[in-house]
Each structure stands twice: as C-alpha cells, then as structure tokens.
PDB file of all heavy atoms in Angstrom:
ATOM      1  N   SER A   1     141.850 -10.463 -12.106  1.00  0.00           N
ATOM      2  CA  SER A   1     141.764 -10.443 -13.564  1.00  0.00           C
ATOM      3  C   SER A   1     141.075  -9.186 -14.065  1.00  0.00           C
ATOM      4  O   SER A   1     140.316  -8.525 -13.347  1.00  0.00           O
ATOM      5  CB  SER A   1     140.999 -11.682 -14.057  1.00  0.00           C
ATOM      6  OG  SER A   1     141.672 -12.861 -13.676  1.00  0.00           O
ATOM      7  N   ASP A   2     141.331  -8.846 -15.326  1.00  0.00           N
ATOM      8  CA  ASP A   2     140.701  -7.684 -15.950  1.00  0.00           C
ATOM      9  C   ASP A   2     139.295  -8.003 -16.447  1.00  0.00           C
ATOM     10  O   ASP A   2     138.441  -7.123 -16.518  1.00  0.00           O
ATOM     11  CB  ASP A   2     141.552  -7.202 -17.130  1.00  0.00           C
ATOM     12  CG  ASP A   2     142.929  -6.752 -16.694  1.00  0.00           C
ATOM     13  OD1 ASP A   2     143.032  -6.106 -15.623  1.00  0.00           O
ATOM     14  OD2 ASP A   2     143.907  -7.043 -17.409  1.00  0.00           O
ATOM     15  N   VAL A   3     139.067  -9.226 -16.839  1.00  0.00           N
ATOM     16  CA  VAL A   3     137.748  -9.671 -17.268  1.00  0.00           C
ATOM     17  C   VAL A   3     137.595 -11.131 -16.880  1.00  0.00           C
ATOM     18  O   VAL A   3     138.570 -11.889 -16.871  1.00  0.00           O
ATOM     19  CB  VAL A   3     137.555  -9.484 -18.791  1.00  0.00           C
ATOM     20  CG1 VAL A   3     138.523 -10.358 -19.580  1.00  0.00           C
ATOM     21  CG2 VAL A   3     136.120  -9.763 -19.216  1.00  0.00           C
ATOM     22  N   VAL A   4     136.372 -11.522 -16.534  1.00  0.00           N
ATOM     23  CA  VAL A   4     136.102 -12.894 -16.096  1.00  0.00           C
ATOM     24  C   VAL A   4     135.135 -13.546 -17.088  1.00  0.00           C
ATOM     25  O   VAL A   4     134.029 -13.049 -17.308  1.00  0.00           O
ATOM     26  CB  VAL A   4     135.496 -12.930 -14.682  1.00  0.00           C
ATOM     27  CG1 VAL A   4     135.343 -14.386 -14.218  1.00  0.00           C
ATOM     28  CG2 VAL A   4     136.345 -12.143 -13.704  1.00  0.00           C
ATOM     29  N   ILE A   5     135.577 -14.637 -17.678  1.00  0.00           N
ATOM     30  CA  ILE A   5     134.727 -15.442 -18.559  1.00  0.00           C
ATOM     31  C   ILE A   5     134.202 -16.603 -17.732  1.00  0.00           C
ATOM     32  O   ILE A   5     134.963 -17.499 -17.350  1.00  0.00           O
ATOM     33  CB  ILE A   5     135.517 -15.981 -19.770  1.00  0.00           C
ATOM     34  CG1 ILE A   5     136.312 -14.871 -20.460  1.00  0.00           C
ATOM     35  CG2 ILE A   5     134.589 -16.686 -20.741  1.00  0.00           C
ATOM     36  CD1 ILE A   5     135.482 -13.766 -21.033  1.00  0.00           C
ATOM     37  N   VAL A   6     132.920 -16.591 -17.429  1.00  0.00           N
ATOM     38  CA  VAL A   6     132.321 -17.628 -16.587  1.00  0.00           C
ATOM     39  C   VAL A   6     131.626 -18.642 -17.495  1.00  0.00           C
ATOM     40  O   VAL A   6     130.773 -18.280 -18.312  1.00  0.00           O
ATOM     41  CB  VAL A   6     131.326 -17.032 -15.585  1.00  0.00           C
ATOM     42  CG1 VAL A   6     130.808 -18.122 -14.642  1.00  0.00           C
ATOM     43  CG2 VAL A   6     131.976 -15.917 -14.781  1.00  0.00           C
ATOM     44  N   THR A   7     131.991 -19.899 -17.356  1.00  0.00           N
ATOM     45  CA  THR A   7     131.496 -20.968 -18.229  1.00  0.00           C
ATOM     46  C   THR A   7     130.609 -21.914 -17.423  1.00  0.00           C
ATOM     47  O   THR A   7     131.092 -22.787 -16.714  1.00  0.00           O
ATOM     48  CB  THR A   7     132.670 -21.740 -18.844  1.00  0.00           C
ATOM     49  OG1 THR A   7     133.496 -22.258 -17.788  1.00  0.00           O
ATOM     50  CG2 THR A   7     133.525 -20.820 -19.717  1.00  0.00           C
ATOM     51  N   LEU A   8     129.307 -21.732 -17.542  1.00  0.00           N
ATOM     52  CA  LEU A   8     128.350 -22.496 -16.752  1.00  0.00           C
ATOM     53  C   LEU A   8     127.399 -23.263 -17.666  1.00  0.00           C
ATOM     54  O   LEU A   8     127.389 -23.078 -18.875  1.00  0.00           O
ATOM     55  CB  LEU A   8     127.552 -21.563 -15.834  1.00  0.00           C
ATOM     56  CG  LEU A   8     128.352 -20.645 -14.909  1.00  0.00           C
ATOM     57  CD1 LEU A   8     127.399 -19.814 -14.047  1.00  0.00           C
ATOM     58  CD2 LEU A   8     129.314 -21.443 -14.039  1.00  0.00           C
ATOM     59  N   GLY A   9     126.590 -24.115 -17.057  1.00  0.00           N
ATOM     60  CA  GLY A   9     125.594 -24.847 -17.828  1.00  0.00           C
ATOM     61  C   GLY A   9     125.386 -26.247 -17.307  1.00  0.00           C
ATOM     62  O   GLY A   9     125.242 -26.470 -16.099  1.00  0.00           O
ATOM     63  N   GLU A  10     125.387 -27.216 -18.219  1.00  0.00           N
ATOM     64  CA  GLU A  10     125.145 -28.608 -17.876  1.00  0.00           C
ATOM     65  C   GLU A  10     126.216 -29.489 -18.516  1.00  0.00           C
ATOM     66  O   GLU A  10     126.782 -29.134 -19.554  1.00  0.00           O
ATOM     67  CB  GLU A  10     123.769 -29.058 -18.382  1.00  0.00           C
ATOM     68  CG  GLU A  10     122.615 -28.315 -17.756  1.00  0.00           C
ATOM     69  CD  GLU A  10     121.282 -28.788 -18.303  1.00  0.00           C
ATOM     70  OE1 GLU A  10     121.087 -28.767 -19.525  1.00  0.00           O
ATOM     71  OE2 GLU A  10     120.432 -29.180 -17.489  1.00  0.00           O
ATOM     72  N   LEU A  11     126.461 -30.635 -17.914  1.00  0.00           N
ATOM     73  CA  LEU A  11     127.287 -31.643 -18.568  1.00  0.00           C
ATOM     74  C   LEU A  11     126.505 -32.221 -19.745  1.00  0.00           C
ATOM     75  O   LEU A  11     125.271 -32.218 -19.749  1.00  0.00           O
ATOM     76  CB  LEU A  11     127.641 -32.757 -17.583  1.00  0.00           C
ATOM     77  CG  LEU A  11     128.308 -32.332 -16.272  1.00  0.00           C
ATOM     78  CD1 LEU A  11     128.507 -33.557 -15.377  1.00  0.00           C
ATOM     79  CD2 LEU A  11     129.630 -31.629 -16.528  1.00  0.00           C
ATOM     80  N   SER A  12     127.212 -32.739 -20.731  1.00  0.00           N
ATOM     81  CA  SER A  12     126.507 -33.254 -21.902  1.00  0.00           C
ATOM     82  C   SER A  12     125.580 -34.417 -21.544  1.00  0.00           C
ATOM     83  O   SER A  12     124.547 -34.607 -22.201  1.00  0.00           O
ATOM     84  CB  SER A  12     127.505 -33.682 -22.977  1.00  0.00           C
ATOM     85  OG  SER A  12     128.351 -34.710 -22.524  1.00  0.00           O
ATOM     86  N   VAL A  13     125.902 -35.198 -20.499  1.00  0.00           N
ATOM     87  CA  VAL A  13     125.019 -36.296 -20.106  1.00  0.00           C
ATOM     88  C   VAL A  13     123.744 -35.797 -19.441  1.00  0.00           C
ATOM     89  O   VAL A  13     122.832 -36.578 -19.201  1.00  0.00           O
ATOM     90  CB  VAL A  13     125.735 -37.282 -19.152  1.00  0.00           C
ATOM     91  CG1 VAL A  13     126.865 -37.985 -19.855  1.00  0.00           C
ATOM     92  CG2 VAL A  13     126.223 -36.590 -17.891  1.00  0.00           C
ATOM     93  N   MET A  14     123.677 -34.497 -19.158  1.00  0.00           N
ATOM     94  CA  MET A  14     122.457 -33.919 -18.614  1.00  0.00           C
ATOM     95  C   MET A  14     121.486 -33.505 -19.720  1.00  0.00           C
ATOM     96  O   MET A  14     120.336 -33.175 -19.446  1.00  0.00           O
ATOM     97  CB  MET A  14     122.790 -32.706 -17.744  1.00  0.00           C
ATOM     98  CG  MET A  14     123.591 -33.032 -16.506  1.00  0.00           C
ATOM     99  SD  MET A  14     124.096 -31.542 -15.622  1.00  0.00           S
ATOM    100  CE  MET A  14     124.787 -32.240 -14.127  1.00  0.00           C
ATOM    101  N   ASP A  15     121.951 -33.500 -20.968  1.00  0.00           N
ATOM    102  CA  ASP A  15     121.136 -33.180 -22.134  1.00  0.00           C
ATOM    103  C   ASP A  15     121.153 -34.379 -23.061  1.00  0.00           C
ATOM    104  O   ASP A  15     121.788 -34.364 -24.114  1.00  0.00           O
ATOM    105  CB  ASP A  15     121.708 -31.949 -22.850  1.00  0.00           C
ATOM    106  CG  ASP A  15     121.606 -30.694 -22.017  1.00  0.00           C
ATOM    107  OD1 ASP A  15     120.535 -30.072 -22.029  1.00  0.00           O
ATOM    108  OD2 ASP A  15     122.600 -30.344 -21.354  1.00  0.00           O
ATOM    109  N   PHE A  16     120.431 -35.418 -22.684  1.00  0.00           N
ATOM    110  CA  PHE A  16     120.639 -36.707 -23.330  1.00  0.00           C
ATOM    111  C   PHE A  16     119.379 -37.536 -23.175  1.00  0.00           C
ATOM    112  O   PHE A  16     118.440 -37.165 -22.459  1.00  0.00           O
ATOM    113  CB  PHE A  16     121.827 -37.389 -22.629  1.00  0.00           C
ATOM    114  CG  PHE A  16     122.520 -38.459 -23.404  1.00  0.00           C
ATOM    115  CD1 PHE A  16     122.983 -38.229 -24.684  1.00  0.00           C
ATOM    116  CD2 PHE A  16     122.725 -39.704 -22.837  1.00  0.00           C
ATOM    117  CE1 PHE A  16     123.654 -39.217 -25.391  1.00  0.00           C
ATOM    118  CE2 PHE A  16     123.391 -40.702 -23.530  1.00  0.00           C
ATOM    119  CZ  PHE A  16     123.855 -40.455 -24.811  1.00  0.00           C
ATOM    120  N   GLU A  17     119.338 -38.681 -23.838  1.00  0.00           N
ATOM    121  CA  GLU A  17     118.253 -39.615 -23.613  1.00  0.00           C
ATOM    122  C   GLU A  17     118.234 -40.026 -22.144  1.00  0.00           C
ATOM    123  O   GLU A  17     119.276 -40.223 -21.526  1.00  0.00           O
ATOM    124  CB  GLU A  17     118.432 -40.849 -24.502  1.00  0.00           C
ATOM    125  CG  GLU A  17     117.303 -41.843 -24.388  1.00  0.00           C
ATOM    126  CD  GLU A  17     117.379 -42.955 -25.415  1.00  0.00           C
ATOM    127  OE1 GLU A  17     118.145 -42.810 -26.398  1.00  0.00           O
ATOM    128  OE2 GLU A  17     116.675 -43.964 -25.239  1.00  0.00           O
ATOM    129  N   TYR A  18     117.007 -40.163 -21.613  1.00  0.00           N
ATOM    130  CA  TYR A  18     116.831 -40.555 -20.222  1.00  0.00           C
ATOM    131  C   TYR A  18     117.450 -39.512 -19.286  1.00  0.00           C
ATOM    132  O   TYR A  18     117.952 -39.843 -18.226  1.00  0.00           O
ATOM    133  CB  TYR A  18     117.456 -41.936 -19.989  1.00  0.00           C
ATOM    134  CG  TYR A  18     116.962 -42.700 -18.779  1.00  0.00           C
ATOM    135  CD1 TYR A  18     115.777 -42.355 -18.133  1.00  0.00           C
ATOM    136  CD2 TYR A  18     117.673 -43.780 -18.278  1.00  0.00           C
ATOM    137  CE1 TYR A  18     115.332 -43.063 -17.035  1.00  0.00           C
ATOM    138  CE2 TYR A  18     117.244 -44.499 -17.172  1.00  0.00           C
ATOM    139  CZ  TYR A  18     116.069 -44.134 -16.556  1.00  0.00           C
ATOM    140  OH  TYR A  18     115.631 -44.830 -15.455  1.00  0.00           O
ATOM    141  N   SER A  19     117.405 -38.233 -19.688  1.00  0.00           N
ATOM    142  CA  SER A  19     118.007 -37.170 -18.876  1.00  0.00           C
ATOM    143  C   SER A  19     117.098 -35.953 -18.803  1.00  0.00           C
ATOM    144  O   SER A  19     117.521 -34.823 -19.025  1.00  0.00           O
ATOM    145  CB  SER A  19     119.374 -36.767 -19.449  1.00  0.00           C
ATOM    146  OG  SER A  19     120.302 -37.807 -19.324  1.00  0.00           O
ATOM    147  N   SER A  20     115.835 -36.198 -18.512  1.00  0.00           N
ATOM    148  CA  SER A  20     114.910 -35.087 -18.318  1.00  0.00           C
ATOM    149  C   SER A  20     115.139 -34.464 -16.948  1.00  0.00           C
ATOM    150  O   SER A  20     115.754 -35.060 -16.064  1.00  0.00           O
ATOM    151  CB  SER A  20     113.468 -35.578 -18.448  1.00  0.00           C
ATOM    152  OG  SER A  20     113.254 -36.107 -19.732  1.00  0.00           O
ATOM    153  N   ARG A  21     114.627 -33.228 -16.792  1.00  0.00           N
ATOM    154  CA  ARG A  21     114.823 -32.496 -15.543  1.00  0.00           C
ATOM    155  C   ARG A  21     113.499 -31.992 -15.002  1.00  0.00           C
ATOM    156  O   ARG A  21     112.563 -31.744 -15.756  1.00  0.00           O
ATOM    157  CB  ARG A  21     115.730 -31.283 -15.773  1.00  0.00           C
ATOM    158  CG  ARG A  21     117.157 -31.589 -16.117  1.00  0.00           C
ATOM    159  CD  ARG A  21     117.999 -30.323 -16.017  1.00  0.00           C
ATOM    160  NE  ARG A  21     118.013 -29.787 -14.658  1.00  0.00           N
ATOM    161  CZ  ARG A  21     118.555 -28.621 -14.321  1.00  0.00           C
ATOM    162  NH1 ARG A  21     119.127 -27.870 -15.247  1.00  0.00           N
ATOM    163  NH2 ARG A  21     118.544 -28.207 -13.067  1.00  0.00           N
ATOM    164  N   SER A  22     113.433 -31.803 -13.698  1.00  0.00           N
ATOM    165  CA  SER A  22     112.231 -31.240 -13.093  1.00  0.00           C
ATOM    166  C   SER A  22     112.292 -29.725 -13.020  1.00  0.00           C
ATOM    167  O   SER A  22     111.275 -29.068 -12.839  1.00  0.00           O
ATOM    168  CB  SER A  22     112.027 -31.805 -11.686  1.00  0.00           C
ATOM    169  OG  SER A  22     113.092 -31.392 -10.824  1.00  0.00           O
ATOM    170  N   SER A  23     113.489 -29.145 -13.146  1.00  0.00           N
ATOM    171  CA  SER A  23     113.645 -27.698 -13.090  1.00  0.00           C
ATOM    172  C   SER A  23     114.641 -27.267 -14.148  1.00  0.00           C
ATOM    173  O   SER A  23     115.280 -28.100 -14.803  1.00  0.00           O
ATOM    174  CB  SER A  23     114.129 -27.245 -11.705  1.00  0.00           C
ATOM    175  OG  SER A  23     115.530 -27.447 -11.587  1.00  0.00           O
ATOM    176  N   LEU A  24     114.790 -25.954 -14.301  1.00  0.00           N
ATOM    177  CA  LEU A  24     115.757 -25.398 -15.239  1.00  0.00           C
ATOM    178  C   LEU A  24     116.870 -24.655 -14.510  1.00  0.00           C
ATOM    179  O   LEU A  24     117.613 -23.881 -15.118  1.00  0.00           O
ATOM    180  CB  LEU A  24     115.052 -24.455 -16.224  1.00  0.00           C
ATOM    181  CG  LEU A  24     113.941 -25.079 -17.068  1.00  0.00           C
ATOM    182  CD1 LEU A  24     113.321 -24.027 -17.980  1.00  0.00           C
ATOM    183  CD2 LEU A  24     114.465 -26.248 -17.888  1.00  0.00           C
ATOM    184  N   ASN A  25     117.007 -24.879 -13.219  1.00  0.00           N
ATOM    185  CA  ASN A  25     118.039 -24.199 -12.445  1.00  0.00           C
ATOM    186  C   ASN A  25     119.433 -24.614 -12.909  1.00  0.00           C
ATOM    187  O   ASN A  25     119.642 -25.737 -13.381  1.00  0.00           O
ATOM    188  CB  ASN A  25     117.900 -24.536 -10.956  1.00  0.00           C
ATOM    189  CG  ASN A  25     116.592 -24.037 -10.380  1.00  0.00           C
ATOM    190  OD1 ASN A  25     116.003 -23.094 -10.896  1.00  0.00           O
ATOM    191  ND2 ASN A  25     116.130 -24.681  -9.319  1.00  0.00           N
ATOM    192  N   LEU A  26     120.400 -23.714 -12.748  1.00  0.00           N
ATOM    193  CA  LEU A  26     121.791 -24.085 -12.980  1.00  0.00           C
ATOM    194  C   LEU A  26     122.163 -25.166 -11.969  1.00  0.00           C
ATOM    195  O   LEU A  26     122.025 -24.958 -10.759  1.00  0.00           O
ATOM    196  CB  LEU A  26     122.704 -22.871 -12.813  1.00  0.00           C
ATOM    197  CG  LEU A  26     122.677 -21.853 -13.948  1.00  0.00           C
ATOM    198  CD1 LEU A  26     123.308 -20.531 -13.497  1.00  0.00           C
ATOM    199  CD2 LEU A  26     123.407 -22.397 -15.168  1.00  0.00           C
ATOM    200  N   PRO A  27     122.612 -26.336 -12.424  1.00  0.00           N
ATOM    201  CA  PRO A  27     122.897 -27.433 -11.488  1.00  0.00           C
ATOM    202  C   PRO A  27     123.999 -27.064 -10.487  1.00  0.00           C
ATOM    203  O   PRO A  27     124.923 -26.300 -10.795  1.00  0.00           O
ATOM    204  CB  PRO A  27     123.368 -28.567 -12.403  1.00  0.00           C
ATOM    205  CG  PRO A  27     122.829 -28.225 -13.747  1.00  0.00           C
ATOM    206  CD  PRO A  27     122.818 -26.740 -13.818  1.00  0.00           C
ATOM    207  N   GLY A  28     123.883 -27.663  -9.310  1.00  0.00           N
ATOM    208  CA  GLY A  28     124.910 -27.483  -8.289  1.00  0.00           C
ATOM    209  C   GLY A  28     124.969 -26.053  -7.774  1.00  0.00           C
ATOM    210  O   GLY A  28     123.961 -25.357  -7.674  1.00  0.00           O
ATOM    211  N   LYS A  29     126.183 -25.602  -7.443  1.00  0.00           N
ATOM    212  CA  LYS A  29     126.378 -24.273  -6.859  1.00  0.00           C
ATOM    213  C   LYS A  29     126.873 -23.255  -7.896  1.00  0.00           C
ATOM    214  O   LYS A  29     127.570 -22.301  -7.563  1.00  0.00           O
ATOM    215  CB  LYS A  29     127.371 -24.360  -5.698  1.00  0.00           C
ATOM    216  CG  LYS A  29     126.855 -25.186  -4.523  1.00  0.00           C
ATOM    217  CD  LYS A  29     127.822 -25.139  -3.344  1.00  0.00           C
ATOM    218  CE  LYS A  29     127.264 -25.893  -2.146  1.00  0.00           C
ATOM    219  NZ  LYS A  29     128.181 -25.821  -0.969  1.00  0.00           N
ATOM    220  N   GLN A  30     126.470 -23.462  -9.153  1.00  0.00           N
ATOM    221  CA  GLN A  30     126.933 -22.562 -10.198  1.00  0.00           C
ATOM    222  C   GLN A  30     126.411 -21.139 -10.015  1.00  0.00           C
ATOM    223  O   GLN A  30     127.144 -20.165 -10.236  1.00  0.00           O
ATOM    224  CB  GLN A  30     126.520 -23.097 -11.577  1.00  0.00           C
ATOM    225  CG  GLN A  30     127.227 -24.375 -11.983  1.00  0.00           C
ATOM    226  CD  GLN A  30     126.849 -24.806 -13.378  1.00  0.00           C
ATOM    227  OE1 GLN A  30     127.558 -24.544 -14.350  1.00  0.00           O
ATOM    228  NE2 GLN A  30     125.715 -25.474 -13.501  1.00  0.00           N
ATOM    229  N   LEU A  31     125.153 -21.004  -9.623  1.00  0.00           N
ATOM    230  CA  LEU A  31     124.605 -19.664  -9.425  1.00  0.00           C
ATOM    231  C   LEU A  31     125.316 -18.961  -8.271  1.00  0.00           C
ATOM    232  O   LEU A  31     125.611 -17.755  -8.345  1.00  0.00           O
ATOM    233  CB  LEU A  31     123.102 -19.734  -9.164  1.00  0.00           C
ATOM    234  CG  LEU A  31     122.401 -18.389  -8.974  1.00  0.00           C
ATOM    235  CD1 LEU A  31     122.623 -17.465 -10.164  1.00  0.00           C
ATOM    236  CD2 LEU A  31     120.900 -18.591  -8.716  1.00  0.00           C
ATOM    237  N   GLU A  32     125.610 -19.702  -7.219  1.00  0.00           N
ATOM    238  CA  GLU A  32     126.352 -19.123  -6.099  1.00  0.00           C
ATOM    239  C   GLU A  32     127.716 -18.613  -6.565  1.00  0.00           C
ATOM    240  O   GLU A  32     128.154 -17.513  -6.201  1.00  0.00           O
ATOM    241  CB  GLU A  32     126.527 -20.163  -4.990  1.00  0.00           C
ATOM    242  CG  GLU A  32     127.331 -19.656  -3.794  1.00  0.00           C
ATOM    243  CD  GLU A  32     127.593 -20.738  -2.755  1.00  0.00           C
ATOM    244  OE1 GLU A  32     126.895 -21.777  -2.772  1.00  0.00           O
ATOM    245  OE2 GLU A  32     128.529 -20.546  -1.931  1.00  0.00           O
ATOM    246  N   LEU A  33     128.401 -19.393  -7.376  1.00  0.00           N
ATOM    247  CA  LEU A  33     129.685 -18.975  -7.923  1.00  0.00           C
ATOM    248  C   LEU A  33     129.532 -17.707  -8.752  1.00  0.00           C
ATOM    249  O   LEU A  33     130.316 -16.754  -8.607  1.00  0.00           O
ATOM    250  CB  LEU A  33     130.270 -20.101  -8.784  1.00  0.00           C
ATOM    251  CG  LEU A  33     131.541 -19.778  -9.570  1.00  0.00           C
ATOM    252  CD1 LEU A  33     132.705 -19.500  -8.625  1.00  0.00           C
ATOM    253  CD2 LEU A  33     131.886 -20.921 -10.526  1.00  0.00           C
ATOM    254  N   LEU A  34     128.510 -17.665  -9.600  1.00  0.00           N
ATOM    255  CA  LEU A  34     128.291 -16.500 -10.452  1.00  0.00           C
ATOM    256  C   LEU A  34     127.989 -15.250  -9.617  1.00  0.00           C
ATOM    257  O   LEU A  34     128.505 -14.156  -9.897  1.00  0.00           O
ATOM    258  CB  LEU A  34     127.139 -16.790 -11.417  1.00  0.00           C
ATOM    259  CG  LEU A  34     126.822 -15.708 -12.454  1.00  0.00           C
ATOM    260  CD1 LEU A  34     128.008 -15.487 -13.383  1.00  0.00           C
ATOM    261  CD2 LEU A  34     125.575 -16.099 -13.259  1.00  0.00           C
TER     262      LEU A  34
END
C-alpha cells in the first residue's frame, strides 16, 4: 500500500462501567502489529 491507516485502541466494553484497567498498554498484540 501507499499509506497505512492503523486503527488501534480498545473495544467499547473496555471503556465502560465495571471496566477499569491496571495499565494503559494497548491491549493484546496491537503494539507488536504497529
């Protein structure tokens, strides 16, 4: 490709009631992909 649009982050259920986190890392292997 000429340009790559990488779409990373969290699922909406990860930003929700009863969905606190212990870290701010990109979940899963997203950083590896990036």
